Amino acid sequence: MELSKPIELARIDEIRILYNVRLLYRHDLNPMYSKDNLRVQFDLNGEIRGTITCYLCLDDRELSQSERNFLFPLFVESMNILVGRQITLDNELAAYHLTMSPPRLSMIPREINSSYRSMTQKYDLELEDLTYNILTEYSLEAFN
């Protein structure tokens, strides 16, 4: 029989992605709600199983095609770096053998409300003079 327990990843305060791009953790007591977002999802398998879903919240933003072509790959790569660093730097996760899938991007928005989700972290993706809200949602379990 396998026993499972929920896993929560530690937050990372700041990551520099490029010289003019960074991710900042934001402790925000106000819940965040987004209807217009795109998401990237990672699957974890092995001694830890589950998914990590990252949402780029685009509510009330009009983006040109060139802005989208710049922002979307940057978002995917930023989430790849964030999730990879969280997994490798977390003391609890270091003891587990796991594999992580390549990122899967979905352009179909899904409604998300952080007040209903206990395993959600909020980040700001800062690009020179623009800031985008990012929500990361973890659904992971460790199997012994």
N, C-alpha and C. Protein backbone atom coordinates (compact mmCIF):
# COMPACT_ATOMS: atom_id res chain seq x y z
N MET A 1 0.85 -1.19 0.00
CA MET A 1 0.00 0.00 0.00
C MET A 1 0.89 1.25 0.00
N GLU A 2 0.56 2.20 -0.83
CA GLU A 2 1.31 3.45 -0.89
C GLU A 2 0.65 4.48 0.00
N LEU A 3 1.45 5.18 0.77
CA LEU A 3 0.95 6.28 1.59
C LEU A 3 1.31 7.58 0.89
N SER A 4 0.43 8.53 0.95
CA SER A 4 0.72 9.80 0.30
C SER A 4 0.57 10.94 1.28
N LYS A 5 1.28 12.02 1.02
CA LYS A 5 1.13 13.24 1.81
C LYS A 5 1.26 14.42 0.86
N PRO A 6 0.54 15.51 1.13
CA PRO A 6 0.64 16.67 0.25
C PRO A 6 2.01 17.34 0.38
N ILE A 7 2.47 17.90 -0.71
CA ILE A 7 3.75 18.60 -0.76
C ILE A 7 3.49 20.07 -1.08
N GLU A 8 4.17 20.94 -0.37
CA GLU A 8 4.07 22.36 -0.67
C GLU A 8 5.48 22.87 -0.97
N LEU A 9 5.64 23.53 -2.10
CA LEU A 9 6.96 24.04 -2.48
C LEU A 9 7.22 25.36 -1.78
N ALA A 10 8.46 25.53 -1.37
CA ALA A 10 8.86 26.80 -0.76
C ALA A 10 8.83 27.90 -1.81
N ARG A 11 8.55 29.10 -1.39
CA ARG A 11 8.53 30.23 -2.32
C ARG A 11 9.96 30.71 -2.56
N ILE A 12 10.14 31.35 -3.69
CA ILE A 12 11.42 31.99 -4.02
C ILE A 12 11.14 33.48 -4.10
N ASP A 13 11.93 34.27 -3.37
CA ASP A 13 11.65 35.70 -3.28
C ASP A 13 11.88 36.46 -4.59
N GLU A 14 12.95 36.13 -5.29
CA GLU A 14 13.24 36.85 -6.54
C GLU A 14 14.12 35.99 -7.43
N ILE A 15 13.82 36.02 -8.72
CA ILE A 15 14.66 35.37 -9.72
C ILE A 15 14.87 36.36 -10.86
N ARG A 16 16.12 36.56 -11.24
CA ARG A 16 16.41 37.35 -12.44
C ARG A 16 16.46 36.39 -13.62
N ILE A 17 15.62 36.66 -14.61
CA ILE A 17 15.55 35.81 -15.80
C ILE A 17 16.52 36.35 -16.86
N LEU A 18 16.41 37.63 -17.14
CA LEU A 18 17.31 38.35 -18.03
C LEU A 18 17.69 39.64 -17.31
N TYR A 19 18.55 40.42 -17.90
CA TYR A 19 18.99 41.64 -17.21
C TYR A 19 17.83 42.59 -16.92
N ASN A 20 16.79 42.56 -17.74
CA ASN A 20 15.66 43.48 -17.55
C ASN A 20 14.36 42.75 -17.21
N VAL A 21 14.46 41.48 -16.80
CA VAL A 21 13.27 40.68 -16.49
C VAL A 21 13.50 39.98 -15.16
N ARG A 22 12.53 40.08 -14.26
CA ARG A 22 12.65 39.35 -13.00
C ARG A 22 11.29 38.91 -12.50
N LEU A 23 11.31 37.89 -11.67
CA LEU A 23 10.12 37.39 -10.99
C LEU A 23 10.23 37.75 -9.53
N LEU A 24 9.20 38.35 -8.97
CA LEU A 24 9.17 38.73 -7.56
C LEU A 24 8.00 38.05 -6.88
N TYR A 25 8.26 37.42 -5.74
CA TYR A 25 7.19 36.84 -4.95
C TYR A 25 6.43 37.97 -4.28
N ARG A 26 5.12 37.89 -4.30
CA ARG A 26 4.28 38.91 -3.66
C ARG A 26 3.37 38.26 -2.63
N HIS A 27 3.57 38.63 -1.38
CA HIS A 27 2.63 38.19 -0.35
C HIS A 27 1.48 39.16 -0.37
N ASP A 28 0.35 38.69 -0.82
CA ASP A 28 -0.81 39.56 -1.00
C ASP A 28 -1.99 38.94 -0.29
N LEU A 29 -2.54 39.62 0.69
CA LEU A 29 -3.68 39.09 1.43
C LEU A 29 -4.97 39.17 0.63
N ASN A 30 -4.96 40.00 -0.42
CA ASN A 30 -6.17 40.12 -1.24
C ASN A 30 -6.19 38.99 -2.27
N PRO A 31 -7.30 38.25 -2.33
CA PRO A 31 -7.38 37.18 -3.33
C PRO A 31 -7.35 37.76 -4.74
N MET A 32 -6.83 36.99 -5.64
CA MET A 32 -6.74 37.41 -7.02
C MET A 32 -7.67 36.57 -7.88
N TYR A 33 -8.34 37.22 -8.80
CA TYR A 33 -9.29 36.55 -9.68
C TYR A 33 -8.91 36.89 -11.11
N SER A 34 -8.88 35.87 -11.96
CA SER A 34 -8.54 36.10 -13.36
C SER A 34 -9.42 35.26 -14.27
N LYS A 35 -9.97 35.91 -15.28
CA LYS A 35 -10.74 35.20 -16.31
C LYS A 35 -9.95 35.10 -17.60
N ASP A 36 -9.06 36.07 -17.83
CA ASP A 36 -8.30 36.12 -19.06
C ASP A 36 -6.85 35.79 -18.75
N ASN A 37 -6.47 34.55 -18.95
CA ASN A 37 -5.12 34.12 -18.64
C ASN A 37 -4.70 33.04 -19.61
N LEU A 38 -3.41 32.85 -19.70
CA LEU A 38 -2.94 31.65 -20.38
C LEU A 38 -2.15 30.89 -19.34
N ARG A 39 -1.97 29.60 -19.58
CA ARG A 39 -1.32 28.80 -18.53
C ARG A 39 -0.32 27.84 -19.14
N VAL A 40 0.64 27.52 -18.31
CA VAL A 40 1.62 26.52 -18.65
C VAL A 40 1.60 25.50 -17.51
N GLN A 41 1.65 24.22 -17.89
CA GLN A 41 1.52 23.16 -16.89
C GLN A 41 2.69 22.18 -16.99
N PHE A 42 3.14 21.75 -15.82
CA PHE A 42 4.20 20.75 -15.71
C PHE A 42 3.63 19.56 -14.94
N ASP A 43 3.91 18.35 -15.40
CA ASP A 43 3.54 17.14 -14.69
C ASP A 43 4.77 16.59 -14.00
N LEU A 44 4.60 16.15 -12.75
CA LEU A 44 5.68 15.50 -12.02
C LEU A 44 5.32 14.05 -11.79
N ASN A 45 6.31 13.17 -11.98
CA ASN A 45 6.12 11.73 -11.76
C ASN A 45 7.30 11.19 -11.00
N GLY A 46 7.13 9.99 -10.47
CA GLY A 46 8.17 9.35 -9.67
C GLY A 46 7.67 9.24 -8.24
N GLU A 47 8.56 9.51 -7.29
CA GLU A 47 8.15 9.46 -5.88
C GLU A 47 7.26 10.64 -5.51
N ILE A 48 7.24 11.64 -6.35
CA ILE A 48 6.28 12.75 -6.22
C ILE A 48 5.49 12.80 -7.50
N ARG A 49 4.18 12.90 -7.36
CA ARG A 49 3.29 12.96 -8.52
C ARG A 49 2.37 14.16 -8.38
N GLY A 50 2.00 14.69 -9.52
CA GLY A 50 1.05 15.79 -9.52
C GLY A 50 1.34 16.78 -10.62
N THR A 51 0.77 17.97 -10.47
CA THR A 51 0.91 19.00 -11.48
C THR A 51 1.26 20.34 -10.84
N ILE A 52 1.94 21.15 -11.62
CA ILE A 52 2.19 22.54 -11.27
C ILE A 52 1.67 23.35 -12.44
N THR A 53 0.73 24.24 -12.16
CA THR A 53 0.12 25.06 -13.20
C THR A 53 0.43 26.52 -12.91
N CYS A 54 0.91 27.23 -13.91
CA CYS A 54 1.26 28.64 -13.78
C CYS A 54 0.37 29.46 -14.71
N TYR A 55 -0.22 30.51 -14.18
CA TYR A 55 -1.15 31.35 -14.93
C TYR A 55 -0.56 32.74 -15.14
N LEU A 56 -0.56 33.21 -16.36
CA LEU A 56 -0.20 34.58 -16.68
C LEU A 56 -1.51 35.34 -16.83
N CYS A 57 -1.80 36.23 -15.90
CA CYS A 57 -3.09 36.92 -15.86
C CYS A 57 -3.04 38.16 -16.76
N LEU A 58 -3.89 38.14 -17.77
CA LEU A 58 -3.91 39.20 -18.78
C LEU A 58 -5.20 40.01 -18.75
N ASP A 59 -5.92 39.95 -17.66
CA ASP A 59 -7.18 40.68 -17.55
C ASP A 59 -6.94 42.18 -17.77
N ASP A 60 -7.81 42.80 -18.56
CA ASP A 60 -7.76 44.24 -18.85
C ASP A 60 -6.47 44.67 -19.54
N ARG A 61 -5.86 43.77 -20.30
CA ARG A 61 -4.64 44.11 -21.04
C ARG A 61 -4.87 43.84 -22.52
N GLU A 62 -4.49 44.78 -23.33
CA GLU A 62 -4.53 44.61 -24.78
C GLU A 62 -3.10 44.46 -25.26
N LEU A 63 -2.80 43.32 -25.88
CA LEU A 63 -1.44 43.06 -26.35
C LEU A 63 -1.42 42.96 -27.87
N SER A 64 -0.46 43.61 -28.47
CA SER A 64 -0.27 43.48 -29.91
C SER A 64 0.34 42.11 -30.19
N GLN A 65 0.36 41.73 -31.45
CA GLN A 65 0.95 40.44 -31.82
C GLN A 65 2.43 40.39 -31.49
N SER A 66 3.14 41.48 -31.70
CA SER A 66 4.58 41.50 -31.38
C SER A 66 4.79 41.40 -29.87
N GLU A 67 3.93 42.04 -29.08
CA GLU A 67 4.03 41.92 -27.62
C GLU A 67 3.76 40.48 -27.16
N ARG A 68 2.79 39.85 -27.79
CA ARG A 68 2.50 38.44 -27.47
C ARG A 68 3.68 37.55 -27.84
N ASN A 69 4.26 37.78 -29.01
CA ASN A 69 5.40 36.98 -29.47
C ASN A 69 6.59 37.12 -28.54
N PHE A 70 6.73 38.26 -27.89
CA PHE A 70 7.80 38.48 -26.93
C PHE A 70 7.44 37.89 -25.56
N LEU A 71 6.23 38.17 -25.09
CA LEU A 71 5.84 37.83 -23.72
C LEU A 71 5.61 36.33 -23.50
N PHE A 72 4.91 35.66 -24.42
CA PHE A 72 4.52 34.28 -24.16
C PHE A 72 5.70 33.33 -24.01
N PRO A 73 6.70 33.35 -24.91
CA PRO A 73 7.86 32.47 -24.68
C PRO A 73 8.63 32.84 -23.42
N LEU A 74 8.68 34.13 -23.11
CA LEU A 74 9.36 34.58 -21.90
C LEU A 74 8.64 34.05 -20.66
N PHE A 75 7.32 34.07 -20.67
CA PHE A 75 6.53 33.53 -19.57
C PHE A 75 6.81 32.03 -19.38
N VAL A 76 6.79 31.27 -20.47
CA VAL A 76 7.02 29.82 -20.38
C VAL A 76 8.41 29.55 -19.81
N GLU A 77 9.41 30.25 -20.32
CA GLU A 77 10.78 30.02 -19.84
C GLU A 77 10.94 30.47 -18.39
N SER A 78 10.29 31.55 -18.01
CA SER A 78 10.35 32.02 -16.62
C SER A 78 9.74 30.99 -15.68
N MET A 79 8.63 30.39 -16.08
CA MET A 79 7.99 29.38 -15.23
C MET A 79 8.84 28.11 -15.17
N ASN A 80 9.48 27.77 -16.26
CA ASN A 80 10.38 26.62 -16.27
C ASN A 80 11.52 26.84 -15.27
N ILE A 81 12.08 28.04 -15.27
CA ILE A 81 13.16 28.38 -14.34
C ILE A 81 12.64 28.38 -12.90
N LEU A 82 11.49 29.02 -12.67
CA LEU A 82 10.93 29.08 -11.31
C LEU A 82 10.68 27.69 -10.75
N VAL A 83 9.96 26.87 -11.49
CA VAL A 83 9.61 25.53 -11.00
C VAL A 83 10.87 24.68 -10.81
N GLY A 84 11.79 24.76 -11.76
CA GLY A 84 13.04 24.01 -11.63
C GLY A 84 13.82 24.41 -10.40
N ARG A 85 13.90 25.72 -10.13
CA ARG A 85 14.62 26.19 -8.94
C ARG A 85 13.90 25.79 -7.66
N GLN A 86 12.58 25.88 -7.64
CA GLN A 86 11.85 25.48 -6.44
C GLN A 86 12.09 24.01 -6.13
N ILE A 87 12.07 23.19 -7.14
CA ILE A 87 12.27 21.75 -6.92
C ILE A 87 13.69 21.45 -6.46
N THR A 88 14.68 22.08 -7.07
CA THR A 88 16.06 21.76 -6.71
C THR A 88 16.50 22.39 -5.40
N LEU A 89 15.91 23.52 -5.01
CA LEU A 89 16.32 24.19 -3.79
C LEU A 89 15.52 23.78 -2.56
N ASP A 90 14.42 23.06 -2.74
CA ASP A 90 13.58 22.68 -1.61
C ASP A 90 14.21 21.50 -0.86
N ASN A 91 14.44 21.67 0.44
CA ASN A 91 15.08 20.63 1.25
C ASN A 91 14.30 19.32 1.26
N GLU A 92 12.99 19.41 1.35
CA GLU A 92 12.17 18.20 1.40
C GLU A 92 12.18 17.45 0.07
N LEU A 93 12.12 18.20 -1.03
CA LEU A 93 12.05 17.57 -2.35
C LEU A 93 13.38 16.97 -2.80
N ALA A 94 14.48 17.45 -2.24
CA ALA A 94 15.80 16.97 -2.66
C ALA A 94 15.98 15.47 -2.43
N ALA A 95 15.23 14.90 -1.50
CA ALA A 95 15.37 13.48 -1.17
C ALA A 95 14.58 12.57 -2.11
N TYR A 96 13.72 13.13 -2.93
CA TYR A 96 12.85 12.33 -3.80
C TYR A 96 13.42 12.21 -5.21
N HIS A 97 13.13 11.09 -5.85
CA HIS A 97 13.43 10.91 -7.26
C HIS A 97 12.18 11.28 -8.04
N LEU A 98 12.32 12.19 -8.99
CA LEU A 98 11.15 12.61 -9.77
C LEU A 98 11.57 13.03 -11.15
N THR A 99 10.60 13.05 -12.03
CA THR A 99 10.79 13.57 -13.38
C THR A 99 9.74 14.64 -13.63
N MET A 100 10.14 15.66 -14.39
CA MET A 100 9.23 16.75 -14.71
C MET A 100 9.05 16.80 -16.22
N SER A 101 7.80 16.91 -16.64
CA SER A 101 7.50 16.97 -18.07
C SER A 101 7.94 18.31 -18.64
N PRO A 102 8.10 18.39 -19.95
CA PRO A 102 8.30 19.70 -20.57
C PRO A 102 7.04 20.55 -20.36
N PRO A 103 7.17 21.87 -20.41
CA PRO A 103 5.99 22.73 -20.21
C PRO A 103 4.98 22.57 -21.33
N ARG A 104 3.70 22.53 -20.95
CA ARG A 104 2.60 22.49 -21.93
C ARG A 104 1.83 23.80 -21.82
N LEU A 105 1.81 24.57 -22.91
CA LEU A 105 1.16 25.87 -22.92
C LEU A 105 -0.26 25.74 -23.42
N SER A 106 -1.19 26.39 -22.72
CA SER A 106 -2.58 26.45 -23.17
C SER A 106 -2.99 27.90 -23.30
N MET A 107 -3.55 28.24 -24.45
CA MET A 107 -4.02 29.60 -24.70
C MET A 107 -5.50 29.75 -24.35
N ILE A 108 -6.14 28.66 -23.92
CA ILE A 108 -7.55 28.71 -23.56
C ILE A 108 -7.65 29.14 -22.09
N PRO A 109 -8.19 30.34 -21.82
CA PRO A 109 -8.22 30.82 -20.44
C PRO A 109 -9.12 29.97 -19.56
N ARG A 110 -8.71 29.81 -18.33
CA ARG A 110 -9.51 29.10 -17.33
C ARG A 110 -9.66 30.02 -16.13
N GLU A 111 -10.85 30.15 -15.64
CA GLU A 111 -11.11 31.01 -14.50
C GLU A 111 -10.33 30.52 -13.29
N ILE A 112 -9.67 31.45 -12.61
CA ILE A 112 -8.92 31.10 -11.41
C ILE A 112 -9.16 32.16 -10.34
N ASN A 113 -9.38 31.70 -9.14
CA ASN A 113 -9.59 32.58 -7.99
C ASN A 113 -8.71 32.05 -6.86
N SER A 114 -7.71 32.83 -6.48
CA SER A 114 -6.74 32.36 -5.49
C SER A 114 -7.34 32.20 -4.10
N SER A 115 -8.51 32.78 -3.83
CA SER A 115 -9.12 32.63 -2.50
C SER A 115 -9.65 31.22 -2.29
N TYR A 116 -9.87 30.46 -3.36
CA TYR A 116 -10.38 29.10 -3.24
C TYR A 116 -9.28 28.05 -3.30
N ARG A 117 -8.05 28.46 -3.43
CA ARG A 117 -6.96 27.52 -3.63
C ARG A 117 -5.91 27.73 -2.55
N SER A 118 -5.62 26.67 -1.80
CA SER A 118 -4.70 26.80 -0.69
C SER A 118 -3.24 26.71 -1.13
N MET A 119 -2.96 26.05 -2.23
CA MET A 119 -1.58 25.83 -2.67
C MET A 119 -1.23 26.76 -3.83
N THR A 120 -1.49 28.06 -3.66
CA THR A 120 -1.24 29.03 -4.72
C THR A 120 -0.24 30.07 -4.24
N GLN A 121 0.69 30.41 -5.11
CA GLN A 121 1.63 31.50 -4.83
C GLN A 121 1.46 32.57 -5.90
N LYS A 122 1.69 33.82 -5.51
CA LYS A 122 1.55 34.92 -6.45
C LYS A 122 2.92 35.54 -6.71
N TYR A 123 3.22 35.75 -7.98
CA TYR A 123 4.46 36.41 -8.40
C TYR A 123 4.12 37.55 -9.33
N ASP A 124 5.04 38.49 -9.43
CA ASP A 124 4.98 39.54 -10.44
C ASP A 124 6.10 39.30 -11.43
N LEU A 125 5.76 39.28 -12.71
CA LEU A 125 6.76 39.20 -13.77
C LEU A 125 7.02 40.63 -14.22
N GLU A 126 8.20 41.16 -13.91
CA GLU A 126 8.54 42.54 -14.23
C GLU A 126 9.41 42.58 -15.48
N LEU A 127 8.94 43.35 -16.47
CA LEU A 127 9.68 43.56 -17.72
C LEU A 127 9.86 45.05 -17.90
N GLU A 128 11.04 45.53 -17.73
CA GLU A 128 11.36 46.96 -17.85
C GLU A 128 10.29 47.82 -17.20
N ASP A 129 9.28 48.29 -17.93
CA ASP A 129 8.28 49.19 -17.35
C ASP A 129 6.91 48.54 -17.18
N LEU A 130 6.78 47.24 -17.42
CA LEU A 130 5.49 46.55 -17.30
C LEU A 130 5.56 45.45 -16.25
N THR A 131 4.43 45.21 -15.60
CA THR A 131 4.34 44.14 -14.60
C THR A 131 3.10 43.30 -14.89
N TYR A 132 3.28 41.98 -14.85
CA TYR A 132 2.18 41.04 -15.06
C TYR A 132 2.03 40.16 -13.83
N ASN A 133 0.79 39.90 -13.46
CA ASN A 133 0.53 38.99 -12.34
C ASN A 133 0.63 37.54 -12.79
N ILE A 134 1.24 36.74 -11.95
CA ILE A 134 1.36 35.31 -12.20
C ILE A 134 0.91 34.56 -10.96
N LEU A 135 0.08 33.56 -11.16
CA LEU A 135 -0.33 32.67 -10.08
C LEU A 135 0.23 31.29 -10.37
N THR A 136 0.82 30.67 -9.37
CA THR A 136 1.30 29.30 -9.51
C THR A 136 0.52 28.43 -8.56
N GLU A 137 0.02 27.32 -9.08
CA GLU A 137 -0.84 26.41 -8.32
C GLU A 137 -0.19 25.03 -8.27
N TYR A 138 -0.06 24.49 -7.07
CA TYR A 138 0.62 23.21 -6.86
C TYR A 138 -0.37 22.15 -6.40
N SER A 139 -0.31 21.02 -7.05
CA SER A 139 -1.10 19.85 -6.64
C SER A 139 -0.15 18.66 -6.69
N LEU A 140 0.60 18.45 -5.60
CA LEU A 140 1.65 17.44 -5.55
C LEU A 140 1.47 16.53 -4.35
N GLU A 141 1.82 15.26 -4.52
CA GLU A 141 1.79 14.33 -3.42
C GLU A 141 3.05 13.46 -3.47
N ALA A 142 3.58 13.16 -2.29
CA ALA A 142 4.74 12.28 -2.18
C ALA A 142 4.25 10.89 -1.84
N PHE A 143 4.82 9.88 -2.51
CA PHE A 143 4.43 8.50 -2.27
C PHE A 143 5.60 7.74 -1.66
N ASN A 144 5.32 7.04 -0.58
CA ASN A 144 6.35 6.24 0.11
C ASN A 144 6.09 4.78 -0.10
